[in-house]
Amino acid sequence: LEQVLRQLTESLDTIGQIAARAGFQDYQHFCKMFKKK
C-alpha cells in the first residue's frame, strides 16, 4: 500500500498498472481494500 500511495501521487500510469506493480493481482479486491483502509 505504501508503494501504491507514492505511485498514485508521482506516476501517470493507470491505477491498475500501479496496483499490479505493487503486488496486487486482483484489481477489484485491491479497490475494496483501498477504500476500507
PDB file of all heavy atoms in Angstrom:
ATOM      1  N   LEU A   1       0.827  -1.200   0.000  1.00  0.00           N
ATOM      2  CA  LEU A   1       0.000   0.000   0.000  1.00  0.00           C
ATOM      3  C   LEU A   1       0.871   1.262   0.000  1.00  0.00           C
ATOM      4  O   LEU A   1       0.546   2.260  -0.659  1.00  0.00           O
ATOM      5  CB  LEU A   1      -0.921  -0.025   1.218  1.00  0.00           C
ATOM      6  CG  LEU A   1      -2.098   0.962   1.209  1.00  0.00           C
ATOM      7  CD1 LEU A   1      -2.931   0.791  -0.045  1.00  0.00           C
ATOM      8  CD2 LEU A   1      -2.953   0.752   2.454  1.00  0.00           C
ATOM      9  N   GLU A   2       1.972   1.221   0.718  1.00  0.00           N
ATOM     10  CA  GLU A   2       2.909   2.348   0.736  1.00  0.00           C
ATOM     11  C   GLU A   2       3.408   2.654  -0.676  1.00  0.00           C
ATOM     12  O   GLU A   2       3.503   3.818  -1.094  1.00  0.00           O
ATOM     13  CB  GLU A   2       4.077   2.007   1.654  1.00  0.00           C
ATOM     14  CG  GLU A   2       5.139   3.085   1.741  1.00  0.00           C
ATOM     15  CD  GLU A   2       6.315   2.646   2.592  1.00  0.00           C
ATOM     16  OE1 GLU A   2       6.137   1.732   3.437  1.00  0.00           O
ATOM     17  OE2 GLU A   2       7.426   3.191   2.400  1.00  0.00           O
ATOM     18  N   GLN A   3       3.716   1.602  -1.428  1.00  0.00           N
ATOM     19  CA  GLN A   3       4.159   1.773  -2.816  1.00  0.00           C
ATOM     20  C   GLN A   3       3.057   2.381  -3.669  1.00  0.00           C
ATOM     21  O   GLN A   3       3.292   3.285  -4.461  1.00  0.00           O
ATOM     22  CB  GLN A   3       4.583   0.414  -3.389  1.00  0.00           C
ATOM     23  CG  GLN A   3       4.791   0.376  -4.899  1.00  0.00           C
ATOM     24  CD  GLN A   3       6.147   0.887  -5.310  1.00  0.00           C
ATOM     25  OE1 GLN A   3       6.896   1.392  -4.463  1.00  0.00           O
ATOM     26  NE2 GLN A   3       6.457   0.784  -6.586  1.00  0.00           N
ATOM     27  N   VAL A   4       1.833   1.909  -3.503  1.00  0.00           N
ATOM     28  CA  VAL A   4       0.707   2.417  -4.289  1.00  0.00           C
ATOM     29  C   VAL A   4       0.474   3.901  -4.003  1.00  0.00           C
ATOM     30  O   VAL A   4       0.280   4.709  -4.926  1.00  0.00           O
ATOM     31  CB  VAL A   4      -0.572   1.597  -4.002  1.00  0.00           C
ATOM     32  CG1 VAL A   4      -1.798   2.288  -4.587  1.00  0.00           C
ATOM     33  CG2 VAL A   4      -0.443   0.192  -4.579  1.00  0.00           C
ATOM     34  N   LEU A   5       0.471   4.270  -2.742  1.00  0.00           N
ATOM     35  CA  LEU A   5       0.214   5.672  -2.384  1.00  0.00           C
ATOM     36  C   LEU A   5       1.264   6.588  -3.008  1.00  0.00           C
ATOM     37  O   LEU A   5       0.922   7.677  -3.507  1.00  0.00           O
ATOM     38  CB  LEU A   5       0.210   5.830  -0.862  1.00  0.00           C
ATOM     39  CG  LEU A   5      -0.910   5.085  -0.108  1.00  0.00           C
ATOM     40  CD1 LEU A   5      -0.770   5.288   1.388  1.00  0.00           C
ATOM     41  CD2 LEU A   5      -2.285   5.552  -0.592  1.00  0.00           C
ATOM     42  N   ARG A   6       2.497   6.175  -2.995  1.00  0.00           N
ATOM     43  CA  ARG A   6       3.544   7.001  -3.583  1.00  0.00           C
ATOM     44  C   ARG A   6       3.363   7.111  -5.094  1.00  0.00           C
ATOM     45  O   ARG A   6       3.490   8.194  -5.670  1.00  0.00           O
ATOM     46  CB  ARG A   6       4.906   6.416  -3.246  1.00  0.00           C
ATOM     47  CG  ARG A   6       6.073   7.253  -3.753  1.00  0.00           C
ATOM     48  CD  ARG A   6       7.407   6.797  -3.168  1.00  0.00           C
ATOM     49  NE  ARG A   6       7.698   5.405  -3.488  1.00  0.00           N
ATOM     50  CZ  ARG A   6       7.652   4.426  -2.602  1.00  0.00           C
ATOM     51  NH1 ARG A   6       7.305   4.663  -1.344  1.00  0.00           N
ATOM     52  NH2 ARG A   6       7.940   3.186  -2.959  1.00  0.00           N
ATOM     53  N   GLN A   7       3.040   5.994  -5.727  1.00  0.00           N
ATOM     54  CA  GLN A   7       2.889   5.996  -7.181  1.00  0.00           C
ATOM     55  C   GLN A   7       1.650   6.765  -7.638  1.00  0.00           C
ATOM     56  O   GLN A   7       1.655   7.375  -8.711  1.00  0.00           O
ATOM     57  CB  GLN A   7       2.831   4.558  -7.701  1.00  0.00           C
ATOM     58  CG  GLN A   7       4.153   3.815  -7.611  1.00  0.00           C
ATOM     59  CD  GLN A   7       5.171   4.390  -8.581  1.00  0.00           C
ATOM     60  OE1 GLN A   7       4.933   4.435  -9.782  1.00  0.00           O
ATOM     61  NE2 GLN A   7       6.293   4.838  -8.046  1.00  0.00           N
ATOM     62  N   LEU A   8       0.572   6.713  -6.860  1.00  0.00           N
ATOM     63  CA  LEU A   8      -0.627   7.466  -7.225  1.00  0.00           C
ATOM     64  C   LEU A   8      -0.342   8.964  -7.275  1.00  0.00           C
ATOM     65  O   LEU A   8      -0.986   9.714  -8.022  1.00  0.00           O
ATOM     66  CB  LEU A   8      -1.757   7.185  -6.241  1.00  0.00           C
ATOM     67  CG  LEU A   8      -2.442   5.826  -6.365  1.00  0.00           C
ATOM     68  CD1 LEU A   8      -3.452   5.630  -5.241  1.00  0.00           C
ATOM     69  CD2 LEU A   8      -3.138   5.687  -7.724  1.00  0.00           C
ATOM     70  N   THR A   9       0.615   9.397  -6.512  1.00  0.00           N
ATOM     71  CA  THR A   9       0.981  10.819  -6.491  1.00  0.00           C
ATOM     72  C   THR A   9       2.004  11.153  -7.566  1.00  0.00           C
ATOM     73  O   THR A   9       1.922  12.197  -8.218  1.00  0.00           O
ATOM     74  CB  THR A   9       1.561  11.191  -5.109  1.00  0.00           C
ATOM     75  OG1 THR A   9       0.606  10.881  -4.100  1.00  0.00           O
ATOM     76  CG2 THR A   9       1.888  12.680  -5.044  1.00  0.00           C
ATOM     77  N   GLU A  10       2.950  10.233  -7.813  1.00  0.00           N
ATOM     78  CA  GLU A  10       4.076  10.556  -8.677  1.00  0.00           C
ATOM     79  C   GLU A  10       3.937  10.056 -10.103  1.00  0.00           C
ATOM     80  O   GLU A  10       4.547  10.610 -11.017  1.00  0.00           O
ATOM     81  CB  GLU A  10       5.360   9.956  -8.078  1.00  0.00           C
ATOM     82  CG  GLU A  10       5.688  10.483  -6.687  1.00  0.00           C
ATOM     83  CD  GLU A  10       6.858   9.741  -6.074  1.00  0.00           C
ATOM     84  OE1 GLU A  10       7.315   8.748  -6.689  1.00  0.00           O
ATOM     85  OE2 GLU A  10       7.307  10.140  -4.982  1.00  0.00           O
ATOM     86  N   SER A  11       3.156   8.993 -10.333  1.00  0.00           N
ATOM     87  CA  SER A  11       3.121   8.347 -11.644  1.00  0.00           C
ATOM     88  C   SER A  11       1.869   8.718 -12.429  1.00  0.00           C
ATOM     89  O   SER A  11       0.816   8.999 -11.846  1.00  0.00           O
ATOM     90  CB  SER A  11       3.193   6.822 -11.474  1.00  0.00           C
ATOM     91  OG  SER A  11       3.003   6.170 -12.701  1.00  0.00           O
ATOM     92  N   LEU A  12       1.987   8.685 -13.760  1.00  0.00           N
ATOM     93  CA  LEU A  12       0.843   8.914 -14.639  1.00  0.00           C
ATOM     94  C   LEU A  12       0.247   7.598 -15.143  1.00  0.00           C
ATOM     95  O   LEU A  12      -0.687   7.609 -15.942  1.00  0.00           O
ATOM     96  CB  LEU A  12       1.275   9.765 -15.847  1.00  0.00           C
ATOM     97  CG  LEU A  12       1.762  11.189 -15.521  1.00  0.00           C
ATOM     98  CD1 LEU A  12       2.189  11.892 -16.805  1.00  0.00           C
ATOM     99  CD2 LEU A  12       0.672  11.980 -14.821  1.00  0.00           C
ATOM    100  N   ASP A  13       0.774   6.478 -14.674  1.00  0.00           N
ATOM    101  CA  ASP A  13       0.249   5.185 -15.097  1.00  0.00           C
ATOM    102  C   ASP A  13      -1.164   4.984 -14.561  1.00  0.00           C
ATOM    103  O   ASP A  13      -1.603   5.658 -13.623  1.00  0.00           O
ATOM    104  CB  ASP A  13       1.146   4.058 -14.592  1.00  0.00           C
ATOM    105  CG  ASP A  13       2.493   4.045 -15.305  1.00  0.00           C
ATOM    106  OD1 ASP A  13       2.564   4.611 -16.415  1.00  0.00           O
ATOM    107  OD2 ASP A  13       3.457   3.489 -14.749  1.00  0.00           O
ATOM    108  N   THR A  14      -1.880   4.031 -15.156  1.00  0.00           N
ATOM    109  CA  THR A  14      -3.239   3.744 -14.697  1.00  0.00           C
ATOM    110  C   THR A  14      -3.195   3.138 -13.297  1.00  0.00           C
ATOM    111  O   THR A  14      -2.167   2.579 -12.864  1.00  0.00           O
ATOM    112  CB  THR A  14      -3.948   2.763 -15.631  1.00  0.00           C
ATOM    113  OG1 THR A  14      -3.290   1.487 -15.563  1.00  0.00           O
ATOM    114  CG2 THR A  14      -3.912   3.260 -17.075  1.00  0.00           C
ATOM    115  N   ILE A  15      -4.307   3.231 -12.607  1.00  0.00           N
ATOM    116  CA  ILE A  15      -4.383   2.680 -11.245  1.00  0.00           C
ATOM    117  C   ILE A  15      -4.156   1.165 -11.277  1.00  0.00           C
ATOM    118  O   ILE A  15      -3.489   0.600 -10.413  1.00  0.00           O
ATOM    119  CB  ILE A  15      -5.739   3.026 -10.606  1.00  0.00           C
ATOM    120  CG1 ILE A  15      -5.839   4.549 -10.421  1.00  0.00           C
ATOM    121  CG2 ILE A  15      -5.913   2.314  -9.265  1.00  0.00           C
ATOM    122  CD1 ILE A  15      -7.199   5.017  -9.941  1.00  0.00           C
ATOM    123  N   GLY A  16      -4.680   0.506 -12.313  1.00  0.00           N
ATOM    124  CA  GLY A  16      -4.484  -0.940 -12.430  1.00  0.00           C
ATOM    125  C   GLY A  16      -3.018  -1.309 -12.583  1.00  0.00           C
ATOM    126  O   GLY A  16      -2.547  -2.288 -12.002  1.00  0.00           O
ATOM    127  N   GLN A  17      -2.290  -0.533 -13.386  1.00  0.00           N
ATOM    128  CA  GLN A  17      -0.870  -0.802 -13.570  1.00  0.00           C
ATOM    129  C   GLN A  17      -0.094  -0.592 -12.275  1.00  0.00           C
ATOM    130  O   GLN A  17       0.783  -1.383 -11.921  1.00  0.00           O
ATOM    131  CB  GLN A  17      -0.314   0.118 -14.663  1.00  0.00           C
ATOM    132  CG  GLN A  17      -0.808  -0.225 -16.059  1.00  0.00           C
ATOM    133  CD  GLN A  17      -0.424   0.820 -17.083  1.00  0.00           C
ATOM    134  OE1 GLN A  17      -0.286   2.008 -16.762  1.00  0.00           O
ATOM    135  NE2 GLN A  17      -0.243   0.393 -18.321  1.00  0.00           N
ATOM    136  N   ILE A  18      -0.429   0.478 -11.554  1.00  0.00           N
ATOM    137  CA  ILE A  18       0.250   0.770 -10.290  1.00  0.00           C
ATOM    138  C   ILE A  18      -0.010  -0.342  -9.276  1.00  0.00           C
ATOM    139  O   ILE A  18       0.905  -0.806  -8.581  1.00  0.00           O
ATOM    140  CB  ILE A  18      -0.214   2.129  -9.748  1.00  0.00           C
ATOM    141  CG1 ILE A  18       0.291   3.257 -10.655  1.00  0.00           C
ATOM    142  CG2 ILE A  18       0.250   2.339  -8.313  1.00  0.00           C
ATOM    143  CD1 ILE A  18      -0.262   4.619 -10.310  1.00  0.00           C
ATOM    144  N   ALA A  19      -1.256  -0.774  -9.200  1.00  0.00           N
ATOM    145  CA  ALA A  19      -1.606  -1.832  -8.252  1.00  0.00           C
ATOM    146  C   ALA A  19      -0.877  -3.126  -8.581  1.00  0.00           C
ATOM    147  O   ALA A  19      -0.352  -3.808  -7.693  1.00  0.00           O
ATOM    148  CB  ALA A  19      -3.114  -2.047  -8.251  1.00  0.00           C
ATOM    149  N   ALA A  20      -0.821  -3.481  -9.867  1.00  0.00           N
ATOM    150  CA  ALA A  20      -0.166  -4.728 -10.271  1.00  0.00           C
ATOM    151  C   ALA A  20       1.325  -4.688  -9.957  1.00  0.00           C
ATOM    152  O   ALA A  20       1.903  -5.689  -9.510  1.00  0.00           O
ATOM    153  CB  ALA A  20      -0.385  -4.971 -11.763  1.00  0.00           C
ATOM    154  N   ARG A  21       1.949  -3.538 -10.179  1.00  0.00           N
ATOM    155  CA  ARG A  21       3.384  -3.424  -9.885  1.00  0.00           C
ATOM    156  C   ARG A  21       3.678  -3.555  -8.395  1.00  0.00           C
ATOM    157  O   ARG A  21       4.774  -3.953  -8.008  1.00  0.00           O
ATOM    158  CB  ARG A  21       3.919  -2.079 -10.401  1.00  0.00           C
ATOM    159  CG  ARG A  21       4.242  -2.058 -11.878  1.00  0.00           C
ATOM    160  CD  ARG A  21       5.257  -0.962 -12.167  1.00  0.00           C
ATOM    161  NE  ARG A  21       4.783   0.335 -11.737  1.00  0.00           N
ATOM    162  CZ  ARG A  21       4.115   1.188 -12.509  1.00  0.00           C
ATOM    163  NH1 ARG A  21       3.822   0.852 -13.760  1.00  0.00           N
ATOM    164  NH2 ARG A  21       3.736   2.362 -12.049  1.00  0.00           N
ATOM    165  N   ALA A  22       2.725  -3.205  -7.572  1.00  0.00           N
ATOM    166  CA  ALA A  22       2.923  -3.297  -6.119  1.00  0.00           C
ATOM    167  C   ALA A  22       2.588  -4.674  -5.575  1.00  0.00           C
ATOM    168  O   ALA A  22       2.749  -4.918  -4.373  1.00  0.00           O
ATOM    169  CB  ALA A  22       2.080  -2.239  -5.412  1.00  0.00           C
ATOM    170  N   GLY A  23       2.099  -5.580  -6.430  1.00  0.00           N
ATOM    171  CA  GLY A  23       1.816  -6.936  -5.983  1.00  0.00           C
ATOM    172  C   GLY A  23       0.356  -7.279  -5.849  1.00  0.00           C
ATOM    173  O   GLY A  23       0.003  -8.389  -5.448  1.00  0.00           O
ATOM    174  N   PHE A  24      -0.543  -6.323  -6.165  1.00  0.00           N
ATOM    175  CA  PHE A  24      -1.988  -6.597  -6.103  1.00  0.00           C
ATOM    176  C   PHE A  24      -2.444  -7.162  -7.446  1.00  0.00           C
ATOM    177  O   PHE A  24      -2.532  -6.434  -8.439  1.00  0.00           O
ATOM    178  CB  PHE A  24      -2.766  -5.313  -5.783  1.00  0.00           C
ATOM    179  CG  PHE A  24      -2.493  -4.758  -4.409  1.00  0.00           C
ATOM    180  CD1 PHE A  24      -1.681  -3.650  -4.240  1.00  0.00           C
ATOM    181  CD2 PHE A  24      -3.044  -5.356  -3.286  1.00  0.00           C
ATOM    182  CE1 PHE A  24      -1.427  -3.136  -2.981  1.00  0.00           C
ATOM    183  CE2 PHE A  24      -2.794  -4.849  -2.013  1.00  0.00           C
ATOM    184  CZ  PHE A  24      -1.980  -3.734  -1.859  1.00  0.00           C
ATOM    185  N   GLN A  25      -2.731  -8.434  -7.490  1.00  0.00           N
ATOM    186  CA  GLN A  25      -3.098  -9.080  -8.744  1.00  0.00           C
ATOM    187  C   GLN A  25      -4.594  -9.006  -9.040  1.00  0.00           C
ATOM    188  O   GLN A  25      -5.007  -9.072 -10.193  1.00  0.00           O
ATOM    189  CB  GLN A  25      -2.641 -10.551  -8.719  1.00  0.00           C
ATOM    190  CG  GLN A  25      -1.148 -10.718  -8.498  1.00  0.00           C
ATOM    191  CD  GLN A  25      -0.311  -9.971  -9.519  1.00  0.00           C
ATOM    192  OE1 GLN A  25      -0.596 -10.004 -10.726  1.00  0.00           O
ATOM    193  NE2 GLN A  25       0.714  -9.265  -9.051  1.00  0.00           N
ATOM    194  N   ASP A  26      -5.424  -8.893  -8.017  1.00  0.00           N
ATOM    195  CA  ASP A  26      -6.872  -8.818  -8.189  1.00  0.00           C
ATOM    196  C   ASP A  26      -7.296  -7.361  -8.024  1.00  0.00           C
ATOM    197  O   ASP A  26      -7.319  -6.812  -6.917  1.00  0.00           O
ATOM    198  CB  ASP A  26      -7.570  -9.696  -7.144  1.00  0.00           C
ATOM    199  CG  ASP A  26      -9.078  -9.786  -7.355  1.00  0.00           C
ATOM    200  OD1 ASP A  26      -9.679  -8.808  -7.857  1.00  0.00           O
ATOM    201  OD2 ASP A  26      -9.656 -10.839  -7.014  1.00  0.00           O
ATOM    202  N   TYR A  27      -7.637  -6.699  -9.135  1.00  0.00           N
ATOM    203  CA  TYR A  27      -7.890  -5.254  -9.113  1.00  0.00           C
ATOM    204  C   TYR A  27      -9.130  -4.913  -8.282  1.00  0.00           C
ATOM    205  O   TYR A  27      -9.127  -3.940  -7.514  1.00  0.00           O
ATOM    206  CB  TYR A  27      -8.060  -4.748 -10.545  1.00  0.00           C
ATOM    207  CG  TYR A  27      -8.304  -3.258 -10.625  1.00  0.00           C
ATOM    208  CD1 TYR A  27      -7.310  -2.352 -10.277  1.00  0.00           C
ATOM    209  CD2 TYR A  27      -9.541  -2.755 -11.020  1.00  0.00           C
ATOM    210  CE1 TYR A  27      -7.524  -0.979 -10.332  1.00  0.00           C
ATOM    211  CE2 TYR A  27      -9.772  -1.393 -11.081  1.00  0.00           C
ATOM    212  CZ  TYR A  27      -8.758  -0.504 -10.738  1.00  0.00           C
ATOM    213  OH  TYR A  27      -8.979   0.842 -10.791  1.00  0.00           O
ATOM    214  N   GLN A  28     -10.196  -5.697  -8.416  1.00  0.00           N
ATOM    215  CA  GLN A  28     -11.414  -5.399  -7.663  1.00  0.00           C
ATOM    216  C   GLN A  28     -11.173  -5.540  -6.157  1.00  0.00           C
ATOM    217  O   GLN A  28     -11.620  -4.698  -5.362  1.00  0.00           O
ATOM    218  CB  GLN A  28     -12.551  -6.324  -8.108  1.00  0.00           C
ATOM    219  CG  GLN A  28     -13.055  -6.024  -9.513  1.00  0.00           C
ATOM    220  CD  GLN A  28     -14.242  -6.885  -9.884  1.00  0.00           C
ATOM    221  OE1 GLN A  28     -14.488  -7.924  -9.267  1.00  0.00           O
ATOM    222  NE2 GLN A  28     -14.981  -6.465 -10.896  1.00  0.00           N
ATOM    223  N   HIS A  29     -10.469  -6.588  -5.769  1.00  0.00           N
ATOM    224  CA  HIS A  29     -10.144  -6.770  -4.348  1.00  0.00           C
ATOM    225  C   HIS A  29      -9.279  -5.609  -3.856  1.00  0.00           C
ATOM    226  O   HIS A  29      -9.462  -5.117  -2.726  1.00  0.00           O
ATOM    227  CB  HIS A  29      -9.412  -8.090  -4.147  1.00  0.00           C
ATOM    228  CG  HIS A  29      -8.925  -8.295  -2.745  1.00  0.00           C
ATOM    229  ND1 HIS A  29      -9.770  -8.598  -1.700  1.00  0.00           N
ATOM    230  CD2 HIS A  29      -7.659  -8.217  -2.206  1.00  0.00           C
ATOM    231  CE1 HIS A  29      -9.066  -8.696  -0.581  1.00  0.00           C
ATOM    232  NE2 HIS A  29      -7.782  -8.473  -0.864  1.00  0.00           N
ATOM    233  N   PHE A  30      -8.351  -5.160  -4.688  1.00  0.00           N
ATOM    234  CA  PHE A  30      -7.498  -4.026  -4.321  1.00  0.00           C
ATOM    235  C   PHE A  30      -8.334  -2.772  -4.046  1.00  0.00           C
ATOM    236  O   PHE A  30      -8.116  -2.078  -3.044  1.00  0.00           O
ATOM    237  CB  PHE A  30      -6.485  -3.753  -5.438  1.00  0.00           C
ATOM    238  CG  PHE A  30      -5.894  -2.378  -5.388  1.00  0.00           C
ATOM    239  CD1 PHE A  30      -4.954  -2.025  -4.434  1.00  0.00           C
ATOM    240  CD2 PHE A  30      -6.305  -1.409  -6.304  1.00  0.00           C
ATOM    241  CE1 PHE A  30      -4.420  -0.749  -4.388  1.00  0.00           C
ATOM    242  CE2 PHE A  30      -5.781  -0.130  -6.261  1.00  0.00           C
ATOM    243  CZ  PHE A  30      -4.842   0.202  -5.301  1.00  0.00           C
ATOM    244  N   CYS A  31      -9.290  -2.478  -4.936  1.00  0.00           N
ATOM    245  CA  CYS A  31     -10.107  -1.262  -4.767  1.00  0.00           C
ATOM    246  C   CYS A  31     -10.927  -1.314  -3.471  1.00  0.00           C
ATOM    247  O   CYS A  31     -11.034  -0.315  -2.744  1.00  0.00           O
ATOM    248  CB  CYS A  31     -11.020  -1.082  -5.967  1.00  0.00           C
ATOM    249  SG  CYS A  31     -10.141  -0.645  -7.486  1.00  0.00           S
ATOM    250  N   LYS A  32     -11.487  -2.493  -3.148  1.00  0.00           N
ATOM    251  CA  LYS A  32     -12.269  -2.627  -1.921  1.00  0.00           C
ATOM    252  C   LYS A  32     -11.379  -2.450  -0.699  1.00  0.00           C
ATOM    253  O   LYS A  32     -11.749  -1.768   0.263  1.00  0.00           O
ATOM    254  CB  LYS A  32     -12.951  -4.001  -1.884  1.00  0.00           C
ATOM    255  CG  LYS A  32     -14.052  -4.171  -2.919  1.00  0.00           C
ATOM    256  CD  LYS A  32     -14.648  -5.576  -2.842  1.00  0.00           C
ATOM    257  CE  LYS A  32     -15.738  -5.764  -3.891  1.00  0.00           C
ATOM    258  NZ  LYS A  32     -16.298  -7.137  -3.850  1.00  0.00           N
ATOM    259  N   MET A  33     -10.200  -3.082  -0.733  1.00  0.00           N
ATOM    260  CA  MET A  33      -9.270  -2.978   0.380  1.00  0.00           C
ATOM    261  C   MET A  33      -8.820  -1.529   0.565  1.00  0.00           C
ATOM    262  O   MET A  33      -8.745  -1.016   1.695  1.00  0.00           O
ATOM    263  CB  MET A  33      -8.058  -3.887   0.122  1.00  0.00           C
ATOM    264  CG  MET A  33      -6.969  -3.834   1.179  1.00  0.00           C
ATOM    265  SD  MET A  33      -5.837  -2.425   1.018  1.00  0.00           S
ATOM    266  CE  MET A  33      -5.278  -2.628  -0.665  1.00  0.00           C
ATOM    267  N   PHE A  34      -8.531  -0.846  -0.558  1.00  0.00           N
ATOM    268  CA  PHE A  34      -8.040   0.531  -0.501  1.00  0.00           C
ATOM    269  C   PHE A  34      -9.075   1.439   0.173  1.00  0.00           C
ATOM    270  O   PHE A  34      -8.752   2.221   1.078  1.00  0.00           O
ATOM    271  CB  PHE A  34      -7.738   1.022  -1.920  1.00  0.00           C
ATOM    272  CG  PHE A  34      -7.002   2.331  -1.975  1.00  0.00           C
ATOM    273  CD1 PHE A  34      -5.633   2.367  -2.153  1.00  0.00           C
ATOM    274  CD2 PHE A  34      -7.679   3.536  -1.849  1.00  0.00           C
ATOM    275  CE1 PHE A  34      -4.948   3.572  -2.198  1.00  0.00           C
ATOM    276  CE2 PHE A  34      -7.007   4.745  -1.898  1.00  0.00           C
ATOM    277  CZ  PHE A  34      -5.641   4.761  -2.066  1.00  0.00           C
ATOM    278  N   LYS A  35     -10.339   1.315  -0.254  1.00  0.00           N
ATOM    279  CA  LYS A  35     -11.382   2.181   0.312  1.00  0.00           C
ATOM    280  C   LYS A  35     -11.623   1.856   1.776  1.00  0.00           C
ATOM    281  O   LYS A  35     -11.876   2.754   2.610  1.00  0.00           O
ATOM    282  CB  LYS A  35     -12.672   2.028  -0.481  1.00  0.00           C
ATOM    283  CG  LYS A  35     -13.721   3.058  -0.090  1.00  0.00           C
ATOM    284  CD  LYS A  35     -14.849   3.108  -1.093  1.00  0.00           C
ATOM    285  CE  LYS A  35     -15.824   4.246  -0.745  1.00  0.00           C
ATOM    286  NZ  LYS A  35     -16.907   4.376  -1.726  1.00  0.00           N
ATOM    287  N   LYS A  36     -11.503   0.579   2.137  1.00  0.00           N
ATOM    288  CA  LYS A  36     -11.690   0.184   3.528  1.00  0.00           C
ATOM    289  C   LYS A  36     -10.594   0.771   4.404  1.00  0.00           C
ATOM    290  O   LYS A  36     -10.850   1.216   5.531  1.00  0.00           O
ATOM    291  CB  LYS A  36     -11.691  -1.344   3.626  1.00  0.00           C
ATOM    292  CG  LYS A  36     -11.900  -1.868   5.050  1.00  0.00           C
ATOM    293  CD  LYS A  36     -11.916  -3.392   5.060  1.00  0.00           C
ATOM    294  CE  LYS A  36     -12.104  -3.914   6.488  1.00  0.00           C
ATOM    295  NZ  LYS A  36     -12.121  -5.392   6.531  1.00  0.00           N
ATOM    296  N   LYS A  37      -9.363   0.797   3.885  1.00  0.00           N
ATOM    297  CA  LYS A  37      -8.239   1.284   4.657  1.00  0.00           C
ATOM    298  C   LYS A  37      -8.196   2.810   4.729  1.00  0.00           C
ATOM    299  O   LYS A  37      -7.859   3.391   5.766  1.00  0.00           O
ATOM    300  CB  LYS A  37      -6.923   0.782   4.046  1.00  0.00           C
ATOM    301  CG  LYS A  37      -6.670  -0.705   4.226  1.00  0.00           C
ATOM    302  CD  LYS A  37      -6.235  -0.999   5.656  1.00  0.00           C
ATOM    303  CE  LYS A  37      -5.828  -2.463   5.809  1.00  0.00           C
ATOM    304  NZ  LYS A  37      -5.444  -2.769   7.200  1.00  0.00           N
TER     305      LYS A  37
END
